[in-house]
Amino acid sequence: MNKHYRYLPLSKVTPGTVLADDLLDKVGHVLLPAGTTLTERMLQAIAHHDIHQLPVESDMSDAEDDTENLATRLERIEKIFRDIGDSEPACMLKSYVINYRKGEYK
């Protein structure tokens, strides 16, 4: 089974979950490296760093999980680009990011 990752809200992450990517603080310092198995104490400490979601490993075995993960990523893209207005370069970048997330660019 292939390992994938997805972003989960901190409130839904449970002890025993494995980080899929390095966890960075606001200035880019590594708080926890990728592959760390999270404990209850770590989750409490993460909350104090104003981190709201984590990239976690996931065994995605069915299309429903993939669809949910894609929907979450697309929502995140909409949030990131919410204030771009009619700026053509920003709209083009948003389009490229959406296509990448949909798997159209590899």
Protein backbone atom coordinates (compact mmCIF):
# COMPACT_ATOMS: atom_id res chain seq x y z
CA MET A 1 0.00 0.00 0.00
CA ASN A 2 1.39 3.39 -0.96
CA LYS A 3 1.90 6.06 1.65
CA HIS A 4 0.31 9.38 0.87
CA TYR A 5 -0.12 12.48 2.93
CA ARG A 6 -2.89 14.88 3.66
CA TYR A 7 -3.43 17.86 5.86
CA LEU A 8 -5.57 17.34 8.95
CA PRO A 9 -6.81 19.95 11.39
CA LEU A 10 -4.85 19.72 14.62
CA SER A 11 -8.07 18.87 16.46
CA LYS A 12 -8.43 15.66 14.37
CA VAL A 13 -4.84 14.45 14.76
CA THR A 14 -4.46 11.65 17.29
CA PRO A 15 -1.41 10.29 19.11
CA GLY A 16 0.36 7.72 16.95
CA THR A 17 -0.12 9.71 13.74
CA VAL A 18 3.05 10.10 11.66
CA LEU A 19 4.19 13.46 10.23
CA ALA A 20 4.57 13.32 6.46
CA ASP A 21 6.75 16.44 6.25
CA ASP A 22 8.93 18.53 8.53
CA LEU A 23 6.86 20.64 10.91
CA LEU A 24 8.11 24.23 10.81
CA ASP A 25 7.41 27.17 13.09
CA LYS A 26 6.53 30.65 11.81
CA VAL A 27 10.14 31.55 11.01
CA GLY A 28 11.03 28.24 9.37
CA HIS A 29 12.73 26.40 12.22
CA VAL A 30 12.09 22.65 12.29
CA LEU A 31 9.94 21.77 15.29
CA LEU A 32 9.62 18.09 14.39
CA PRO A 33 11.15 16.19 11.46
CA ALA A 34 9.16 14.19 8.91
CA GLY A 35 8.49 10.63 10.07
CA THR A 36 7.94 11.60 13.71
CA THR A 37 5.23 9.61 15.46
CA LEU A 38 3.20 12.17 17.39
CA THR A 39 2.44 11.82 21.08
CA GLU A 40 -0.22 13.57 23.17
CA ARG A 41 2.44 15.84 24.66
CA MET A 42 3.74 16.80 21.20
CA LEU A 43 0.21 17.66 20.04
CA GLN A 44 -0.27 19.92 23.06
CA ALA A 45 3.04 21.67 22.38
CA ILE A 46 2.18 22.12 18.68
CA ALA A 47 -1.01 23.96 19.66
CA HIS A 48 1.12 26.55 21.50
CA HIS A 49 2.92 27.37 18.24
CA ASP A 50 -0.28 28.58 16.55
CA ILE A 51 -0.26 25.65 14.11
CA HIS A 52 -3.74 24.63 12.96
CA GLN A 53 -3.14 21.74 10.57
CA LEU A 54 -0.51 19.08 10.05
CA PRO A 55 0.76 17.12 7.05
CA VAL A 56 0.26 13.50 8.11
CA GLU A 57 0.86 10.14 6.46
CA SER A 58 -2.22 8.34 5.28
CA ASP A 59 -2.89 4.94 3.73
CA MET A 60 -5.30 6.06 1.06
CA SER A 61 -6.79 2.92 -0.32
CA ASP A 62 -9.99 4.15 -1.90
CA ALA A 63 -11.16 6.91 -4.21
CA GLU A 64 -13.27 8.54 -1.48
CA ASP A 65 -10.16 9.40 0.55
CA ASP A 66 -8.44 10.77 -2.57
CA THR A 67 -11.48 12.90 -3.41
CA GLU A 68 -11.68 14.24 0.15
CA ASN A 69 -7.97 15.03 0.13
CA LEU A 70 -8.25 16.86 -3.21
CA ALA A 71 -11.25 18.85 -1.98
CA THR A 72 -9.30 19.90 1.12
CA ARG A 73 -6.34 20.99 -0.99
CA LEU A 74 -8.53 22.94 -3.40
CA GLU A 75 -10.24 24.71 -0.49
CA ARG A 76 -6.81 25.66 0.82
CA ILE A 77 -5.82 27.07 -2.57
CA GLU A 78 -9.01 29.17 -2.65
CA LYS A 79 -8.16 30.53 0.80
CA ILE A 80 -4.58 31.37 -0.19
CA PHE A 81 -5.67 33.20 -3.36
CA ARG A 82 -8.81 34.81 -1.91
CA ASP A 83 -7.59 38.41 -2.34
CA ILE A 84 -5.99 38.31 -5.80
CA GLY A 85 -8.74 40.19 -7.61
CA ASP A 86 -8.27 40.40 -11.39
CA SER A 87 -4.47 40.25 -11.35
CA GLU A 88 -3.64 38.17 -14.42
CA PRO A 89 -0.29 36.81 -13.13
CA ALA A 90 -1.86 35.77 -9.82
CA CYS A 91 -4.84 34.16 -11.59
CA MET A 92 -2.46 32.25 -13.85
CA LEU A 93 -0.43 31.07 -10.86
CA LYS A 94 -3.63 29.96 -9.11
CA SER A 95 -4.63 28.02 -12.23
CA TYR A 96 -1.24 26.28 -12.35
CA VAL A 97 -1.42 25.36 -8.67
CA ILE A 98 -4.95 23.94 -9.06
CA ASN A 99 -3.91 21.88 -12.09
CA TYR A 100 -0.85 20.60 -10.23
CA ARG A 101 -2.99 19.54 -7.25
CA LYS A 102 -5.37 17.75 -9.60
CA GLY A 103 -2.39 15.76 -10.91
CA GLU A 104 -2.28 17.29 -14.34
CA TYR A 105 1.43 18.17 -13.95
CA LYS A 106 3.89 15.59 -12.69
